[in-house]
Protein backbone atom coordinates (compact mmCIF):
# COMPACT_ATOMS: atom_id res chain seq x y z
CA UNK A 1 0.00 0.00 0.00
CA UNK A 2 1.08 3.55 -0.67
CA UNK A 3 0.33 7.06 0.55
CA UNK A 4 -1.57 7.39 3.82
CA UNK A 5 -2.19 3.63 3.87
CA UNK A 6 1.53 2.73 3.78
CA UNK A 7 2.85 0.78 6.76
CA UNK A 8 6.47 1.79 6.23
CA UNK A 9 8.12 -1.53 5.35
CA UNK A 10 11.71 -1.85 4.11
CA UNK A 11 10.47 -2.59 0.57
CA UNK A 12 12.76 -5.60 0.23
CA UNK A 13 10.09 -8.14 -0.72
CA UNK A 14 9.71 -9.80 2.68
CA UNK A 15 5.94 -9.26 2.74
CA UNK A 16 5.36 -10.78 -0.72
CA UNK A 17 7.58 -13.70 0.26
CA UNK A 18 5.43 -14.45 3.31
CA UNK A 19 2.34 -13.96 1.16
CA UNK A 20 3.57 -16.74 -1.13
CA UNK A 21 4.29 -18.91 1.90
CA UNK A 22 0.72 -18.48 3.18
CA UNK A 23 -0.61 -19.21 -0.31
CA UNK A 24 1.57 -22.35 -0.39
CA UNK A 25 3.20 -21.40 -3.67
CA UNK A 26 6.57 -20.21 -2.37
CA UNK A 27 9.88 -21.65 -3.55
CA UNK A 28 11.87 -23.10 -0.65
CA UNK A 29 15.54 -23.98 -0.18
CA UNK A 30 14.73 -27.64 -0.68
CA UNK A 31 13.30 -26.75 -4.10
CA UNK A 32 16.51 -24.96 -5.10
CA UNK A 33 18.54 -28.15 -4.77
CA UNK A 34 16.06 -30.28 -6.71
CA UNK A 35 16.49 -28.93 -10.23
CA UNK A 36 13.62 -30.89 -11.75
CA UNK A 37 11.19 -29.70 -9.09
CA UNK A 38 12.55 -26.16 -9.30
CA UNK A 39 11.95 -26.02 -13.06
CA UNK A 40 8.36 -27.23 -12.58
CA UNK A 41 7.65 -24.65 -9.90
CA UNK A 42 9.07 -21.81 -11.96
CA UNK A 43 6.94 -22.94 -14.88
CA UNK A 44 3.83 -22.85 -12.68
CA UNK A 45 4.62 -19.42 -11.24
CA UNK A 46 6.23 -17.50 -14.11
CA UNK A 47 3.06 -16.35 -15.83
CA UNK A 48 1.27 -15.61 -12.52
CA UNK A 49 4.13 -13.51 -11.16
CA UNK A 50 4.75 -11.72 -14.46
CA UNK A 51 1.13 -10.54 -14.54
CA UNK A 52 1.25 -9.60 -10.85
CA UNK A 53 4.40 -7.49 -11.32
CA UNK A 54 2.87 -5.72 -14.31
CA UNK A 55 -0.47 -5.06 -12.60
CA UNK A 56 0.83 -4.02 -9.17
CA UNK A 57 4.11 -2.32 -10.03
CA UNK A 58 3.61 -1.37 -13.67
CA UNK A 59 6.80 -3.21 -14.64
CA UNK A 60 7.01 -5.49 -17.64
CA UNK A 61 8.91 -8.53 -16.36
CA UNK A 62 11.09 -9.50 -19.30
CA UNK A 63 13.02 -12.51 -17.92
CA UNK A 64 12.00 -15.79 -19.54
CA UNK A 65 11.37 -18.99 -17.60
CA UNK A 66 14.76 -20.26 -18.72
CA UNK A 67 16.52 -17.14 -17.45
CA UNK A 68 14.77 -17.31 -14.07
CA UNK A 69 15.62 -20.99 -13.78
CA UNK A 70 19.27 -20.41 -14.69
CA UNK A 71 19.60 -17.73 -12.02
CA UNK A 72 17.74 -19.70 -9.35
CA UNK A 73 19.62 -22.95 -9.99
CA UNK A 74 23.05 -21.34 -10.25
CA UNK A 75 24.00 -22.26 -6.68
CA UNK A 76 22.19 -25.59 -6.43
CA UNK A 77 25.35 -27.66 -6.11
CA UNK A 78 26.80 -25.39 -3.41
CA UNK A 79 23.52 -25.36 -1.49
CA UNK A 80 23.35 -29.17 -1.45
CA UNK A 81 26.42 -29.16 0.82
CA UNK A 82 24.88 -26.91 3.46
CA UNK A 83 21.09 -27.32 3.30
CA UNK A 84 19.74 -29.93 5.68
CA UNK A 85 16.64 -30.83 7.70
CA UNK A 86 16.74 -27.91 10.11
CA UNK A 87 14.30 -29.38 12.60
CA UNK A 88 16.25 -32.61 12.84
CA UNK A 89 19.62 -30.85 13.04
CA UNK A 90 18.72 -28.40 15.79
CA UNK A 91 16.99 -31.01 17.94
CA UNK A 92 19.94 -33.38 17.59
CA UNK A 93 22.19 -30.57 18.83
CA UNK A 94 19.98 -30.06 21.87
CA UNK A 95 19.90 -33.77 22.64
CA UNK A 96 23.73 -33.75 22.60
CA UNK A 97 23.78 -30.99 25.21
CA UNK A 98 24.81 -28.21 22.83
CA UNK A 99 23.65 -24.63 23.30
CA UNK A 100 21.23 -23.27 20.68
CA UNK A 101 20.55 -19.54 20.51
CA UNK A 102 17.54 -18.21 18.59
CA UNK A 103 17.11 -14.51 17.85
CA UNK A 104 13.81 -12.86 17.04
CA UNK A 105 14.25 -10.26 14.31
CA UNK A 106 12.81 -6.77 14.89
CA UNK A 107 10.57 -6.67 17.98
CA UNK A 108 7.73 -8.55 19.65
CA UNK A 109 5.21 -5.77 19.08
CA UNK A 110 5.97 -5.75 15.37
CA UNK A 111 4.77 -9.35 15.06
CA UNK A 112 1.99 -10.21 12.64
CA UNK A 113 -0.06 -11.76 15.47
CA UNK A 114 1.09 -9.87 18.57
CA UNK A 115 2.02 -6.52 17.05
CA UNK A 116 0.26 -3.28 16.22
CA UNK A 117 -1.55 -4.52 13.13
CA UNK A 118 -1.28 -3.51 10.31
CA UNK A 119 1.90 -1.59 11.20
CA UNK A 120 3.91 -4.75 11.63
CA UNK A 121 6.15 -7.24 9.91
CA UNK A 122 4.95 -10.44 8.22
CA UNK A 123 6.41 -12.91 10.71
CA UNK A 124 6.15 -13.68 14.41
CA UNK A 125 9.34 -12.47 16.22
CA UNK A 126 8.42 -13.87 19.64
CA UNK A 127 9.45 -16.86 21.75
CA UNK A 128 6.38 -18.67 20.40
CA UNK A 129 7.48 -17.86 16.87
CA UNK A 130 10.99 -19.08 17.66
CA UNK A 131 9.56 -22.45 18.65
CA UNK A 132 7.30 -22.70 15.61
CA UNK A 133 9.91 -21.61 13.07
CA UNK A 134 12.78 -23.69 14.46
CA UNK A 135 10.90 -26.87 15.33
CA UNK A 136 12.11 -26.73 18.93
CA UNK A 137 9.32 -27.67 21.32
CA UNK A 138 8.36 -24.92 23.81
CA UNK A 139 9.20 -27.26 26.69
CA UNK A 140 12.82 -27.41 25.49
CA UNK A 141 13.28 -23.63 25.66
CA UNK A 142 14.59 -22.94 29.15
CA UNK A 143 15.57 -19.25 28.87
CA UNK A 144 13.76 -16.38 27.15
CA UNK A 145 15.85 -13.21 27.28
CA UNK A 146 14.02 -9.97 26.62
CA UNK A 147 16.46 -7.66 24.83
CA UNK A 148 15.49 -4.02 25.17
CA UNK A 149 16.95 -0.63 24.48
CA UNK A 150 16.77 1.85 27.33
CA UNK A 151 14.58 3.97 25.06
CA UNK A 152 12.28 3.10 22.15
CA UNK A 153 13.02 3.23 18.43
CA UNK A 154 11.20 2.14 15.32
CA UNK A 155 11.28 2.54 11.54
CA UNK A 156 8.09 2.95 9.56
CA UNK A 157 4.58 4.15 10.24
CA UNK A 158 2.28 3.32 13.12
CA UNK A 159 1.28 4.64 16.55
CA UNK A 160 4.10 5.71 18.86
CA UNK A 161 2.79 7.29 22.09
CA UNK A 162 6.20 8.26 23.53
CA UNK A 163 7.73 9.58 20.31
CA UNK A 164 10.14 12.50 20.69
CA UNK A 165 9.98 15.11 17.94
CA UNK A 166 12.36 17.49 19.66
CA UNK A 167 16.07 18.00 20.24
CA UNK A 168 16.18 15.22 22.83
CA UNK A 169 15.00 12.71 20.24
CA UNK A 170 17.54 13.98 17.73
CA UNK A 171 20.33 13.77 20.30
CA UNK A 172 19.45 10.15 21.15
CA UNK A 173 19.22 9.27 17.44
CA UNK A 174 22.64 10.76 16.71
CA UNK A 175 24.37 9.31 19.78
CA UNK A 176 22.85 5.88 19.22
CA UNK A 177 23.38 5.93 15.44
CA UNK A 178 19.70 5.13 15.07
CA UNK A 179 19.34 4.64 11.34
CA UNK A 180 17.69 1.65 9.69
CA UNK A 181 20.06 -1.25 9.00
CA UNK A 182 18.37 -2.14 5.72
CA UNK A 183 17.11 1.23 4.48
CA UNK A 184 19.30 3.79 6.23
CA UNK A 185 16.17 5.72 7.23
CA UNK A 186 16.34 7.73 10.48
CA UNK A 187 14.60 5.74 13.22
CA UNK A 188 11.81 7.32 15.21
CA UNK A 189 12.86 7.77 18.84
CA UNK A 190 10.84 7.84 22.05
CA UNK A 191 11.01 7.46 25.81
CA UNK A 192 10.88 3.99 27.35
CA UNK A 193 7.34 2.59 27.25
CA UNK A 194 6.48 0.32 30.19
CA UNK A 195 2.98 -0.59 28.95
CA UNK A 196 4.56 -2.01 25.78
CA UNK A 197 7.29 -3.76 27.77
CA UNK A 198 4.70 -5.36 30.04
CA UNK A 199 2.89 -6.63 26.97
CA UNK A 200 6.09 -7.99 25.42
CA UNK A 201 7.05 -9.71 28.66
CA UNK A 202 3.62 -11.32 28.92
CA UNK A 203 3.68 -12.54 25.32
CA UNK A 204 7.16 -14.03 25.49
CA UNK A 205 7.46 -15.15 29.10
CA UNK A 206 10.77 -13.38 29.73
CA UNK A 207 13.00 -15.14 32.23
CA UNK A 208 15.58 -12.35 32.23
CA UNK A 209 16.28 -8.96 30.63
CA UNK A 210 19.22 -7.71 28.57
CA UNK A 211 19.52 -3.91 28.64
CA UNK A 212 21.26 -2.14 25.77
CA UNK A 213 22.12 1.49 25.00
CA UNK A 214 22.26 2.56 28.64
CA UNK A 215 25.23 4.79 27.79
CA UNK A 216 23.27 6.53 25.01
CA UNK A 217 21.02 8.23 27.57
CA UNK A 218 23.98 9.71 29.46
CA UNK A 219 23.83 13.49 29.71
CA UNK A 220 20.03 13.69 29.47
CA UNK A 221 18.34 14.96 32.61
CA UNK A 222 15.62 14.30 33.56
CA UNK A 223 14.73 11.06 31.82
CA UNK A 224 11.10 10.12 31.33
CA UNK A 225 9.52 6.69 31.60
CA UNK A 226 6.01 6.09 30.31
CA UNK A 227 4.24 4.18 33.11
CA UNK A 228 0.69 4.20 31.68
CA UNK A 229 -1.54 5.72 29.00
CA UNK A 230 -4.50 8.04 29.15
CA UNK A 231 -7.17 7.07 26.62
CA UNK A 232 -10.10 9.44 26.79
CA UNK A 233 -9.76 9.82 30.57
CA UNK A 234 -9.22 6.09 31.19
CA UNK A 235 -5.86 4.99 32.60
CA UNK A 236 -4.33 2.00 30.81
CA UNK A 237 -1.35 -0.06 31.99
CA UNK A 238 -1.20 -2.11 28.77
CA UNK A 239 -1.56 -1.08 25.11
CA UNK A 240 -5.15 -1.19 23.79
CA UNK A 241 -6.04 -3.93 21.32
CA UNK A 242 -6.23 -1.73 18.22
CA UNK A 243 -3.65 0.50 16.59
CA UNK A 244 -6.33 3.14 16.15
CA UNK A 245 -6.91 3.30 19.90
CA UNK A 246 -3.16 3.31 20.60
CA UNK A 247 -2.72 6.32 18.33
CA UNK A 248 -5.12 8.22 20.60
CA UNK A 249 -3.28 7.30 23.81
CA UNK A 250 -1.43 10.00 25.71
CA UNK A 251 1.61 8.87 27.72
CA UNK A 252 1.65 9.27 31.49
CA UNK A 253 5.24 9.89 32.51
CA UNK A 254 7.37 9.37 35.55
CA UNK A 255 10.53 11.47 35.65
CA UNK A 256 13.77 10.00 37.00
CA UNK A 257 17.20 11.62 37.40
CA UNK A 258 19.60 11.25 34.49
CA UNK A 259 23.30 10.49 34.76
CA UNK A 260 26.27 12.48 33.55
CA UNK A 261 28.15 11.89 30.32
CA UNK A 262 31.09 9.50 30.68
CA UNK A 263 33.99 8.99 28.26
CA UNK A 264 34.11 5.57 26.61
CA UNK A 265 37.03 4.55 28.83
CA UNK A 266 35.01 5.14 32.00
CA UNK A 267 32.06 3.10 30.69
CA UNK A 268 34.46 0.28 29.84
CA UNK A 269 36.00 0.41 33.32
CA UNK A 270 32.52 0.23 34.84
CA UNK A 271 31.75 -2.79 32.66
CA UNK A 272 34.85 -4.57 33.99
CA UNK A 273 33.86 -3.93 37.60
CA UNK A 274 30.22 -4.92 37.26
CA UNK A 275 26.75 -3.43 37.59
CA UNK A 276 27.50 -1.88 41.00
CA UNK A 277 30.09 0.37 39.32
CA UNK A 278 27.48 2.03 37.09
CA UNK A 279 26.48 5.62 37.87
CA UNK A 280 23.89 5.35 40.69
CA UNK A 281 21.20 6.99 38.57
CA UNK A 282 21.84 4.56 35.70
CA UNK A 283 21.61 1.55 38.01
CA UNK A 284 18.43 2.97 39.54
CA UNK A 285 16.97 3.27 36.02
CA UNK A 286 17.65 -0.41 35.34
CA UNK A 287 16.29 -1.38 38.75
CA UNK A 288 13.10 0.61 38.12
CA UNK A 289 12.33 -1.44 35.00
CA UNK A 290 13.29 -4.75 36.61
CA UNK A 291 10.96 -3.94 39.52
CA UNK A 292 8.04 -3.12 37.25
CA UNK A 293 8.37 -6.20 35.04
CA UNK A 294 9.32 -8.49 37.93
CA UNK A 295 11.99 -10.03 35.70
CA UNK A 296 15.70 -9.98 36.67
CA UNK A 297 18.45 -8.45 34.54
CA UNK A 298 21.03 -10.80 33.00
CA UNK A 299 22.96 -8.30 30.87
CA UNK A 300 23.57 -4.56 30.87
CA UNK A 301 25.36 -3.17 27.82
CA UNK A 302 27.10 0.21 28.04
CA UNK A 303 28.73 0.34 24.62
CA UNK A 304 29.15 -1.30 21.21
CA UNK A 305 31.92 -3.75 22.12
CA UNK A 306 31.84 -7.11 23.87
CA UNK A 307 34.06 -5.58 26.54
CA UNK A 308 31.26 -3.07 27.24
CA UNK A 309 28.89 -5.83 28.36
CA UNK A 310 28.15 -6.55 32.00
CA UNK A 311 27.13 -10.18 32.49
CA UNK A 312 24.98 -10.44 35.61
CA UNK A 313 23.80 -13.97 34.87
CA UNK A 314 25.12 -16.45 32.31
CA UNK A 315 21.96 -17.79 30.66
CA UNK A 316 23.94 -20.72 29.21
CA UNK A 317 25.24 -21.84 32.60
């Protein structure tokens, strides 16, 4: 969709790919290594997709079936060496006592089922989605780490109650290098949103929290935390069910003291010493969120390097 109806995707074809998956016409990795099957699938789809591209995008798709097949099958032999039954492979690793780490792309509240529809992605980036997509049974997942920035950012359209359209937002964007990885677009920035975090924690069943970008907020005083919403005079502690209602929510803020700017060397020294060496106001900020969500912290990151990471609890132990 375009214009006012646009949802602000990266325009890289992810949505159409998931559309084909739901329609059960998508080409999978297993098809790419079976040349006979691949040729048959391309034959079945070529005319359909050519008409779709012309009608939707106004582009005359000029590649023949043979050209599409040649491009798609170019790496078949190389793929045969690395493509396997993912479900079998990952579960065998678990049964052998190996550690398996799954990462949900984007964020829980951008999920197609749990997110702010229609301003969302086409997949399910939650712990439930991790189980479904990997083939690992939920009972085998023993840790669910909620990774959160100490402020909120997003790319694309959609409701954003705590969005900052002022110099504070610009300062956070510049200090945090908040520009889209895929598109390079400036990310929208806002204060931390506890109603959204409560929702994400409930959906995923967080067992611990990993805080990132704590250092980015240094030098900002005071810092605001959204603790609830006001929707037409009604106080909400969770996001409403519809994006339309969320767009009408006004944030209710709690102000907390900020902490002073520290050179990179001082942040790194604090990381070596542990969480108790953080500026008191920064530690209090982390503690405030932990207290609200009733989920302990396992990691606090104060910079871009591994040496800037404070490990409070080893989730693989």
